[in-house]
N, C-alpha and C. Protein backbone atom coordinates (compact mmCIF):
# COMPACT_ATOMS: atom_id res chain seq x y z
N MET A 1 10.56 -1.86 8.22
CA MET A 1 10.23 -2.89 6.28
C MET A 1 8.54 -3.11 6.85
N ILE A 2 8.03 -2.83 5.65
CA ILE A 2 6.67 -3.45 5.44
C ILE A 2 7.11 -4.77 5.20
N LYS A 3 5.97 -5.81 6.01
CA LYS A 3 5.99 -7.78 6.15
C LYS A 3 4.81 -7.21 4.87
N SER A 4 3.64 -6.88 5.29
CA SER A 4 2.20 -7.17 4.49
C SER A 4 1.78 -6.01 4.21
N PHE A 5 0.82 -5.67 3.06
CA PHE A 5 -0.66 -4.45 2.86
C PHE A 5 -2.02 -5.01 2.44
N LEU A 6 -2.39 -5.08 3.26
CA LEU A 6 -4.02 -5.84 3.21
C LEU A 6 -5.11 -4.98 3.10
N VAL A 7 -5.84 -4.90 2.02
CA VAL A 7 -7.22 -4.24 2.47
C VAL A 7 -8.44 -5.68 2.19
N ILE A 8 -8.50 -5.37 3.67
CA ILE A 8 -9.86 -6.41 4.25
C ILE A 8 -11.76 -5.19 4.09
N ASN A 9 -12.22 -6.56 3.87
CA ASN A 9 -13.86 -5.25 4.17
C ASN A 9 -14.11 -5.84 5.43
N ASN A 10 -15.67 -5.09 5.67
CA ASN A 10 -16.34 -5.11 6.89
C ASN A 10 -16.83 -6.82 7.32
N HIS A 11 -16.73 -7.48 6.01
CA HIS A 11 -17.30 -8.83 6.11
C HIS A 11 -15.67 -9.36 6.82
N GLY A 12 -14.94 -9.35 6.59
CA GLY A 12 -13.39 -10.42 7.00
C GLY A 12 -12.79 -10.73 4.86
N LYS A 13 -13.14 -10.45 4.44
CA LYS A 13 -13.04 -10.62 2.43
C LYS A 13 -11.95 -9.76 2.04
N PRO A 14 -10.47 -10.37 2.15
CA PRO A 14 -9.51 -9.65 2.32
C PRO A 14 -9.90 -9.50 0.56
N ARG A 15 -9.23 -8.35 0.00
CA ARG A 15 -9.61 -7.74 -1.34
C ARG A 15 -8.18 -7.25 -2.40
N LEU A 16 -7.34 -7.23 -1.60
CA LEU A 16 -6.15 -7.00 -1.83
C LEU A 16 -4.99 -7.48 -0.64
N VAL A 17 -4.00 -8.59 -1.10
CA VAL A 17 -2.92 -9.07 -0.24
C VAL A 17 -1.86 -9.20 -0.72
N LYS A 18 -0.55 -8.08 -0.24
CA LYS A 18 0.76 -8.35 -0.72
C LYS A 18 1.28 -8.57 0.49
N PHE A 19 1.97 -9.56 0.48
CA PHE A 19 2.85 -10.16 0.97
C PHE A 19 4.83 -9.67 0.63
N TYR A 20 5.32 -8.58 1.85
CA TYR A 20 6.78 -8.94 1.27
C TYR A 20 7.80 -9.79 1.72
N GLU A 21 7.58 -10.28 2.96
CA GLU A 21 8.36 -11.62 3.06
C GLU A 21 7.40 -13.01 2.94
N HIS A 22 8.50 -13.98 2.34
CA HIS A 22 7.96 -15.41 2.21
C HIS A 22 7.36 -15.95 3.40
N MET A 23 6.61 -16.56 2.72
CA MET A 23 6.07 -17.14 4.69
C MET A 23 4.73 -18.05 3.72
N ALA A 24 4.50 -18.94 4.56
CA ALA A 24 3.84 -20.66 3.81
C ALA A 24 2.24 -19.82 4.14
N THR A 25 1.33 -20.68 2.63
CA THR A 25 -0.12 -20.23 2.15
C THR A 25 -0.55 -19.88 3.68
N GLU A 26 -0.27 -21.20 4.42
CA GLU A 26 -1.46 -20.78 5.38
C GLU A 26 -1.17 -20.31 6.85
N ARG A 27 -0.25 -19.64 6.15
CA ARG A 27 0.49 -18.73 7.77
C ARG A 27 0.46 -17.25 7.82
N GLN A 28 0.22 -17.15 5.97
CA GLN A 28 -0.28 -15.88 5.62
C GLN A 28 -2.55 -16.04 6.04
N GLN A 29 -2.89 -16.62 5.77
CA GLN A 29 -3.89 -16.84 5.93
C GLN A 29 -4.78 -17.19 7.71
N GLU A 30 -3.49 -17.53 8.42
CA GLU A 30 -3.87 -17.25 9.91
C GLU A 30 -3.23 -15.87 10.17
N LEU A 31 -2.41 -14.81 9.50
CA LEU A 31 -2.55 -13.65 10.17
C LEU A 31 -3.31 -12.74 9.28
N ILE A 32 -3.81 -13.35 8.15
CA ILE A 32 -5.20 -11.92 8.05
C ILE A 32 -6.21 -12.39 8.85
N LYS A 33 -6.63 -13.62 9.16
CA LYS A 33 -7.55 -13.63 9.88
C LYS A 33 -7.89 -13.52 11.63
N ALA A 34 -6.36 -13.38 11.87
CA ALA A 34 -5.66 -12.57 13.03
C ALA A 34 -5.72 -11.20 13.12
N VAL A 35 -5.42 -10.85 11.95
CA VAL A 35 -5.49 -8.97 11.62
C VAL A 35 -7.07 -8.82 11.79
N TYR A 36 -6.80 -8.75 10.95
CA TYR A 36 -8.98 -9.03 10.79
C TYR A 36 -9.47 -8.95 12.18
N GLY A 37 -9.65 -10.20 12.94
CA GLY A 37 -10.56 -10.20 14.12
C GLY A 37 -9.99 -9.38 15.04
N VAL A 38 -8.63 -9.29 15.31
CA VAL A 38 -8.43 -7.68 15.95
C VAL A 38 -9.09 -6.56 15.58
N VAL A 39 -8.68 -6.18 14.70
CA VAL A 39 -8.78 -4.98 14.18
C VAL A 39 -10.29 -4.31 13.80
N SER A 40 -11.09 -5.51 13.82
CA SER A 40 -12.90 -5.37 13.68
C SER A 40 -13.24 -5.24 14.77
N LYS A 41 -13.04 -5.77 15.77
CA LYS A 41 -13.41 -5.54 17.33
C LYS A 41 -13.00 -3.68 17.57
N ARG A 42 -12.29 -3.73 17.27
CA ARG A 42 -11.94 -1.99 17.99
C ARG A 42 -12.91 -1.18 17.20
N ASP A 43 -12.84 -0.26 18.70
CA ASP A 43 -13.89 0.77 18.59
C ASP A 43 -12.86 2.05 17.76
N ASP A 44 -13.66 3.02 17.10
CA ASP A 44 -12.87 3.60 15.48
C ASP A 44 -12.63 4.95 16.83
N SER A 45 -12.67 5.23 18.25
CA SER A 45 -11.79 6.07 18.53
C SER A 45 -10.81 5.90 19.25
N LEU A 46 -10.29 4.04 18.78
CA LEU A 46 -9.19 4.01 19.78
C LEU A 46 -7.86 3.87 19.00
N CYS A 47 -6.87 4.15 18.68
CA CYS A 47 -6.12 4.56 18.19
C CYS A 47 -5.90 3.44 17.06
N SER A 48 -4.95 3.03 16.14
CA SER A 48 -4.30 2.66 14.60
C SER A 48 -3.59 2.01 14.73
N PHE A 49 -2.74 1.36 15.79
CA PHE A 49 -1.98 1.02 16.05
C PHE A 49 -2.44 -0.10 16.83
N VAL A 50 -1.61 -1.27 16.39
CA VAL A 50 -1.96 -2.29 17.63
C VAL A 50 -0.43 -3.33 18.09
N ASP A 51 -0.14 -3.78 18.94
CA ASP A 51 1.09 -4.98 19.14
C ASP A 51 0.22 -5.83 20.02
N ASP A 52 0.31 -6.74 19.41
CA ASP A 52 0.51 -8.33 20.16
C ASP A 52 1.17 -9.64 19.64
N GLU A 53 2.04 -9.55 20.52
CA GLU A 53 3.17 -9.88 20.22
C GLU A 53 3.08 -11.86 19.79
N THR A 54 1.96 -11.98 20.61
CA THR A 54 1.05 -13.94 20.97
C THR A 54 0.53 -13.48 19.19
N ALA A 55 -0.28 -12.98 19.01
CA ALA A 55 -0.53 -13.04 17.45
C ALA A 55 0.39 -12.50 16.45
N PHE A 56 1.11 -12.08 16.18
CA PHE A 56 1.78 -10.74 14.97
C PHE A 56 3.38 -11.29 14.61
N GLY A 57 3.38 -12.02 16.20
CA GLY A 57 4.64 -11.70 16.54
C GLY A 57 5.68 -11.08 16.71
N ALA A 58 7.35 -11.11 17.55
CA ALA A 58 7.59 -10.46 18.47
C ALA A 58 8.16 -8.82 17.95
N ASP A 59 8.50 -8.87 16.35
CA ASP A 59 8.56 -7.55 15.41
C ASP A 59 7.59 -7.59 14.76
N THR A 60 6.92 -7.71 14.96
CA THR A 60 5.92 -7.08 13.66
C THR A 60 4.76 -6.09 14.70
N LYS A 61 4.06 -5.44 14.12
CA LYS A 61 3.28 -4.13 14.59
C LYS A 61 2.48 -3.81 13.56
N VAL A 62 0.59 -3.95 13.82
CA VAL A 62 -0.25 -3.82 12.99
C VAL A 62 -0.51 -2.16 12.81
N VAL A 63 -0.70 -1.24 11.76
CA VAL A 63 -1.04 -0.04 11.58
C VAL A 63 -2.15 -0.28 10.55
N TYR A 64 -3.30 0.44 11.23
CA TYR A 64 -4.39 0.73 9.66
C TYR A 64 -5.12 1.88 9.90
N ARG A 65 -6.38 1.81 9.17
CA ARG A 65 -6.91 2.83 8.64
C ARG A 65 -8.44 2.10 8.41
N HIS A 66 -9.60 2.28 8.55
CA HIS A 66 -11.19 2.02 8.11
C HIS A 66 -11.42 3.63 7.50
N PHE A 67 -11.88 2.86 6.50
CA PHE A 67 -12.11 3.54 5.70
C PHE A 67 -13.74 2.96 5.17
N ALA A 68 -15.32 3.66 4.59
CA ALA A 68 -16.24 3.20 4.54
C ALA A 68 -16.41 1.49 5.17
N THR A 69 -16.31 1.22 3.97
CA THR A 69 -16.41 -0.94 4.52
C THR A 69 -14.68 -1.46 3.94
N LEU A 70 -13.50 -0.78 3.99
CA LEU A 70 -12.43 -1.32 3.81
C LEU A 70 -12.16 -0.97 5.28
N TYR A 71 -10.90 -1.71 5.40
CA TYR A 71 -9.94 -2.19 6.09
C TYR A 71 -8.58 -1.94 5.58
N PHE A 72 -7.30 -0.62 5.72
CA PHE A 72 -6.51 -0.67 4.86
C PHE A 72 -5.33 -1.45 6.34
N ILE A 73 -4.26 -2.09 6.07
CA ILE A 73 -4.16 -2.16 7.33
C ILE A 73 -2.34 -2.55 6.05
N VAL A 74 -1.40 -2.32 7.58
CA VAL A 74 -0.48 -2.87 6.91
C VAL A 74 0.98 -3.28 8.42
N LEU A 75 1.08 -4.68 8.14
CA LEU A 75 2.06 -5.10 9.45
C LEU A 75 3.89 -4.94 8.88
N CYS A 76 4.03 -4.86 9.97
CA CYS A 76 5.51 -3.65 9.68
C CYS A 76 6.48 -4.49 10.93
N ASP A 77 7.42 -3.96 10.92
CA ASP A 77 8.54 -4.48 12.01
C ASP A 77 8.26 -3.20 12.89
N ARG A 78 8.96 -2.90 13.70
CA ARG A 78 8.66 -2.29 15.41
C ARG A 78 9.66 -1.33 14.78
N SER A 79 10.52 -1.27 13.92
CA SER A 79 11.76 0.19 13.17
C SER A 79 10.80 1.09 12.44
N GLU A 80 9.40 1.10 12.16
CA GLU A 80 8.58 2.12 11.09
C GLU A 80 7.64 2.68 11.84
N SER A 81 8.06 3.90 11.73
CA SER A 81 7.10 4.95 12.17
C SER A 81 5.39 4.75 12.36
N GLU A 82 4.83 4.73 13.55
CA GLU A 82 3.39 4.35 13.17
C GLU A 82 2.34 5.61 12.16
N LEU A 83 3.41 6.45 12.50
CA LEU A 83 2.76 7.75 11.56
C LEU A 83 2.74 7.92 10.23
N GLY A 84 3.95 7.17 9.81
CA GLY A 84 4.37 7.52 8.93
C GLY A 84 3.65 6.35 8.05
N ILE A 85 3.55 5.28 8.42
CA ILE A 85 2.50 3.99 7.89
C ILE A 85 1.40 4.28 7.63
N LEU A 86 0.46 5.15 8.55
CA LEU A 86 -0.97 5.88 8.40
C LEU A 86 -0.26 7.21 7.02
N ASP A 87 0.63 7.63 6.95
CA ASP A 87 0.71 8.33 5.99
C ASP A 87 0.47 7.86 4.33
N LEU A 88 1.52 6.69 4.60
CA LEU A 88 1.61 5.59 3.71
C LEU A 88 0.18 5.00 2.98
N ILE A 89 -0.91 4.71 3.68
CA ILE A 89 -2.08 3.79 3.69
C ILE A 89 -3.05 5.19 3.26
N GLN A 90 -2.66 6.75 3.66
CA GLN A 90 -3.54 7.99 3.23
C GLN A 90 -3.39 7.98 1.30
N VAL A 91 -2.28 8.15 1.18
CA VAL A 91 -1.36 8.27 0.32
C VAL A 91 -1.87 6.92 -0.98
N TYR A 92 -2.29 5.86 -0.04
CA TYR A 92 -2.48 4.92 -0.87
C TYR A 92 -4.29 5.22 -1.47
N VAL A 93 -4.77 5.14 -0.03
CA VAL A 93 -6.05 5.54 -0.75
C VAL A 93 -7.13 6.93 -1.22
N GLU A 94 -5.29 8.22 -1.10
CA GLU A 94 -6.20 8.82 -2.09
C GLU A 94 -5.18 8.75 -3.82
N THR A 95 -4.06 8.32 -4.21
CA THR A 95 -3.97 7.61 -5.44
C THR A 95 -4.53 6.54 -5.94
N LEU A 96 -5.63 5.76 -5.17
CA LEU A 96 -6.90 4.99 -5.68
C LEU A 96 -7.66 5.61 -6.25
N ASP A 97 -7.90 6.59 -5.49
CA ASP A 97 -9.49 7.68 -5.35
C ASP A 97 -9.67 8.43 -6.01
N ARG A 98 -8.25 9.04 -6.93
CA ARG A 98 -7.73 9.71 -8.06
C ARG A 98 -7.66 8.76 -9.30
N SER A 99 -7.80 8.08 -9.56
CA SER A 99 -7.47 6.76 -10.46
C SER A 99 -8.84 5.97 -10.71
N PHE A 100 -9.49 6.01 -9.91
CA PHE A 100 -10.69 5.30 -9.94
C PHE A 100 -12.20 6.17 -9.85
N ASP A 101 -11.53 7.69 -9.18
CA ASP A 101 -12.95 8.81 -9.77
C ASP A 101 -13.32 8.46 -8.79
N SER A 102 -12.77 8.00 -7.33
CA SER A 102 -14.38 8.56 -6.48
C SER A 102 -14.14 6.02 -6.05
N VAL A 103 -13.09 5.98 -5.24
CA VAL A 103 -13.18 4.67 -4.93
C VAL A 103 -13.86 3.76 -4.55
N CYS A 104 -14.53 2.94 -4.60
CA CYS A 104 -15.35 1.93 -3.44
C CYS A 104 -14.49 0.54 -4.14
N GLU A 105 -15.36 -0.44 -2.82
CA GLU A 105 -14.59 -1.62 -2.73
C GLU A 105 -15.30 -2.59 -4.67
N LEU A 106 -16.21 -2.01 -4.85
CA LEU A 106 -16.06 -2.71 -6.39
C LEU A 106 -15.03 -2.63 -7.11
N ASP A 107 -14.70 -1.50 -7.07
CA ASP A 107 -13.19 -1.21 -8.09
C ASP A 107 -12.24 -2.01 -7.34
N ILE A 108 -11.79 -2.21 -6.39
CA ILE A 108 -10.80 -3.08 -5.82
C ILE A 108 -11.08 -4.56 -6.38
N ILE A 109 -12.06 -5.05 -6.40
CA ILE A 109 -12.65 -6.61 -6.68
C ILE A 109 -12.42 -6.69 -8.71
N PHE A 110 -13.09 -5.62 -9.16
CA PHE A 110 -13.09 -6.01 -10.74
C PHE A 110 -11.75 -5.78 -11.15
N ASN A 111 -10.74 -4.36 -10.49
CA ASN A 111 -9.52 -4.40 -11.26
C ASN A 111 -8.66 -4.28 -10.35
N PRO A 112 -7.93 -6.09 -9.77
CA PRO A 112 -7.21 -6.22 -8.83
C PRO A 112 -5.97 -5.83 -9.80
N PRO A 113 -5.27 -5.92 -10.89
CA PRO A 113 -4.44 -5.73 -11.36
C PRO A 113 -3.70 -4.36 -11.50
N LYS A 114 -5.11 -3.28 -11.18
CA LYS A 114 -4.98 -2.13 -11.33
C LYS A 114 -4.24 -1.41 -10.38
N ALA A 115 -5.07 -2.43 -9.07
CA ALA A 115 -5.24 -2.20 -7.46
C ALA A 115 -3.45 -2.44 -6.88
N HIS A 116 -2.76 -3.50 -7.37
CA HIS A 116 -2.14 -4.04 -7.06
C HIS A 116 -0.68 -2.73 -7.56
N ALA A 117 -1.12 -2.34 -9.07
CA ALA A 117 -0.02 -1.66 -9.74
C ALA A 117 0.27 -0.63 -9.04
N ILE A 118 -1.00 0.09 -9.27
CA ILE A 118 -0.67 1.29 -7.94
C ILE A 118 -0.06 1.36 -6.80
N LEU A 119 -0.50 0.14 -6.15
CA LEU A 119 0.69 -0.08 -4.56
C LEU A 119 1.88 0.03 -5.19
N ASP A 120 2.31 -0.94 -6.09
CA ASP A 120 3.46 -1.34 -6.82
C ASP A 120 4.27 0.00 -6.65
N GLU A 121 3.44 1.03 -6.82
CA GLU A 121 4.40 2.29 -7.10
C GLU A 121 4.74 2.98 -6.04
N ILE A 122 4.27 2.24 -5.21
CA ILE A 122 3.93 3.46 -3.53
C ILE A 122 5.09 2.12 -2.89
N VAL A 123 5.02 0.93 -2.69
CA VAL A 123 5.83 -0.02 -2.00
C VAL A 123 6.71 -1.44 -2.72
N MET A 124 7.60 -0.93 -2.87
CA MET A 124 7.76 -2.43 -3.36
C MET A 124 9.35 -2.82 -2.23
N GLY A 125 9.16 -4.38 -2.16
CA GLY A 125 9.96 -5.05 -2.25
C GLY A 125 9.62 -4.70 -0.02
N GLY A 126 8.86 -4.29 0.31
CA GLY A 126 8.70 -3.81 2.15
C GLY A 126 9.53 -2.68 2.08
N GLU A 127 9.56 -2.15 0.86
CA GLU A 127 10.59 -0.17 1.14
C GLU A 127 9.11 0.63 0.50
N VAL A 128 8.88 1.90 1.24
CA VAL A 128 8.10 2.75 0.93
C VAL A 128 9.16 3.55 -0.50
N LEU A 129 8.55 3.95 -1.77
CA LEU A 129 9.64 4.02 -2.61
C LEU A 129 8.91 5.74 -3.33
N GLU A 130 7.63 5.46 -2.94
CA GLU A 130 6.97 7.07 -3.00
C GLU A 130 5.91 7.82 -1.96
N THR A 131 5.96 9.05 -1.56
CA THR A 131 4.90 9.19 -0.61
C THR A 131 3.85 10.90 -1.44
N SER A 132 3.92 10.64 -2.54
CA SER A 132 3.07 11.89 -3.30
C SER A 132 2.68 10.82 -3.84
N ALA A 133 1.08 11.46 -3.34
CA ALA A 133 0.10 10.72 -4.68
C ALA A 133 0.04 11.13 -5.90
N SER A 134 0.36 11.81 -5.59
CA SER A 134 0.47 12.88 -6.82
C SER A 134 1.69 11.80 -8.75
N ASN A 135 2.54 11.70 -6.96
CA ASN A 135 3.62 11.24 -8.52
C ASN A 135 3.66 10.29 -8.30
N ALA A 136 2.92 9.46 -7.80
CA ALA A 136 2.32 7.49 -7.67
C ALA A 136 1.56 7.72 -9.05
N LEU A 137 0.43 8.55 -8.41
CA LEU A 137 -0.49 8.72 -9.86
C LEU A 137 0.35 8.69 -11.53
N LYS A 138 0.91 9.36 -10.83
CA LYS A 138 1.71 10.08 -12.04
C LYS A 138 1.93 8.71 -13.05
N MET A 139 3.45 7.98 -12.31
CA MET A 139 4.01 7.24 -12.46
C MET A 139 3.36 5.82 -12.57
N TYR A 140 1.58 5.31 -12.71
CA TYR A 140 1.14 4.30 -12.88
C TYR A 140 0.53 4.74 -14.64
N LEU A 141 0.02 6.30 -14.64
CA LEU A 141 -0.19 6.47 -15.52
C LEU A 141 0.48 6.59 -16.98
N GLU A 142 2.01 6.66 -16.42
CA GLU A 142 2.61 6.73 -17.94
C GLU A 142 2.99 4.81 -17.95
N GLN A 143 2.94 4.52 -16.94
CA GLN A 143 3.58 2.79 -17.40
C GLN A 143 2.21 2.59 -17.70
N GLU A 144 0.69 2.80 -17.75
CA GLU A 144 -0.32 2.19 -18.55
C GLU A 144 -0.11 2.78 -19.76
N ARG A 145 0.22 4.11 -20.35
CA ARG A 145 0.13 4.35 -21.53
C ARG A 145 0.94 4.05 -22.36
N LEU A 146 2.60 3.91 -21.76
CA LEU A 146 3.49 2.87 -22.53
C LEU A 146 2.76 1.61 -22.70
N GLU A 147 2.36 0.66 -21.43
CA GLU A 147 1.78 -0.37 -21.98
C GLU A 147 0.49 -0.79 -23.38
N LYS A 148 -0.01 0.89 -23.44
CA LYS A 148 -1.77 0.39 -23.77
C LYS A 148 -0.78 0.50 -25.25
N ILE A 149 0.53 1.53 -25.89
CA ILE A 149 1.18 1.37 -27.25
C ILE A 149 1.27 0.17 -27.38
N GLY A 150 2.24 -0.55 -26.53
CA GLY A 150 2.40 -1.83 -27.13
C GLY A 150 3.67 -2.15 -26.73
N ASP A 151 4.61 -1.21 -25.92
CA ASP A 151 5.81 -1.83 -25.67
C ASP A 151 6.51 -1.69 -24.06
N PRO A 152 6.19 -3.45 -24.36
CA PRO A 152 6.31 -3.78 -22.54
C PRO A 152 8.02 -3.42 -22.24
N THR A 153 8.79 -3.30 -23.28
CA THR A 153 10.22 -2.88 -22.66
C THR A 153 9.93 -1.69 -21.89
N ALA A 154 9.84 -0.49 -22.98
CA ALA A 154 9.32 0.61 -22.20
C ALA A 154 8.69 0.89 -20.82
N ALA A 155 8.29 0.17 -20.83
CA ALA A 155 6.87 0.02 -19.88
C ALA A 155 7.94 -0.30 -18.54
N ARG A 156 8.47 -1.67 -18.77
CA ARG A 156 9.20 -2.00 -17.62
C ARG A 156 10.79 -0.76 -17.85
N ALA A 157 10.73 -0.19 -18.32
CA ALA A 157 12.07 0.58 -17.89
C ALA A 157 11.67 1.80 -17.37
N GLN A 158 10.43 2.28 -17.62
CA GLN A 158 9.72 3.38 -16.96
C GLN A 158 9.46 2.68 -15.29
N SER A 159 8.77 1.51 -14.98
CA SER A 159 8.96 0.96 -14.08
C SER A 159 10.08 1.32 -12.96
N ALA A 160 11.17 0.31 -13.98
CA ALA A 160 12.66 0.78 -12.93
C ALA A 160 13.17 2.28 -12.75
N ARG A 161 12.93 2.76 -13.90
CA ARG A 161 13.09 3.97 -13.33
C ARG A 161 12.60 4.87 -11.97
N ALA A 162 10.98 4.14 -11.35
CA ALA A 162 10.10 4.95 -10.90
C ALA A 162 11.05 4.33 -9.75
N SER A 163 11.30 3.20 -9.62
CA SER A 163 12.33 2.44 -8.82
C SER A 163 13.35 3.34 -7.68
N LYS A 164 13.96 4.00 -8.68
CA LYS A 164 15.61 5.14 -8.09
C LYS A 164 14.74 6.87 -8.05
N PHE A 165 15.63 7.74 -7.45
CA PHE A 165 15.23 8.23 -7.00
C PHE A 165 16.06 9.43 -8.40
N THR A 166 15.11 10.19 -9.36
CA THR A 166 15.65 11.01 -10.68
C THR A 166 16.11 11.90 -10.71
N GLY A 167 16.54 12.68 -9.45
CA GLY A 167 17.34 13.62 -9.22
C GLY A 167 16.62 14.69 -10.10
N GLN A 168 15.09 14.58 -9.50
CA GLN A 168 14.46 16.10 -10.21
C GLN A 168 14.80 16.84 -9.03
N GLN A 169 14.55 18.19 -9.63
CA GLN A 169 14.41 18.97 -8.46
C GLN A 169 12.72 19.10 -7.96
N PRO A 170 12.62 19.12 -6.37
CA PRO A 170 11.37 19.09 -5.95
C PRO A 170 10.39 20.57 -6.22
N SER A 171 9.13 20.54 -6.71
CA SER A 171 8.60 21.39 -6.47
C SER A 171 8.58 22.40 -5.36
N GLY A 172 9.30 23.79 -5.94
CA GLY A 172 9.03 24.62 -4.70
C GLY A 172 10.14 24.64 -4.17
N ALA A 173 11.58 24.19 -4.75
CA ALA A 173 12.85 24.34 -4.46
C ALA A 173 13.82 24.96 -5.17
N LYS A 174 14.49 25.82 -5.36
CA LYS A 174 15.21 26.07 -5.77
C LYS A 174 16.68 26.06 -5.50
N GLY A 175 17.59 25.90 -6.54
CA GLY A 175 18.76 25.79 -6.74
C GLY A 175 19.01 23.93 -5.65
N TRP A 176 18.30 23.47 -6.11
CA TRP A 176 18.20 22.80 -5.34
C TRP A 176 19.13 21.21 -6.23
N GLY A 177 20.28 21.14 -5.85
CA GLY A 177 21.13 20.26 -6.45
C GLY A 177 22.66 20.71 -6.96
N ARG A 178 22.96 22.08 -6.89
CA ARG A 178 23.42 22.34 -7.42
C ARG A 178 25.19 23.04 -6.62
């Protein structure tokens, strides 16, 4: 299970913070500082996985990617695949990039609801919902369209449908589900 998803700049300022486990605000602040302290000191040639039981707890590992001026960091339990989490980070960054047309730190600073909504299309309650950047963007744009036409009920219904399997045939699969 994913415990938190963080986006922190090179100077240690959190730009997006999402915790999927309940904890006190003070503990969240401590974790953010500890995580940034560890990942910012690591050389870019090292792997993107960190295990530190004293800093993060016995069942927590850190998986991160450093893009330009931002660290995209996921704290998860030991049952999660490190490569799967790296792929999840890549999907989120690709979706942001497509949505903001070449994303940068300022896009996240000035559009936090959009950055959070896109993350919610990919991860909800600590579980991965979507592994395709195209599908995540499509669901976000559909929800945005419904909100613009002024039908919040339809937008919530669309969001609920996005969190379930729709039974649609994957592209390129013939005879699926028959």
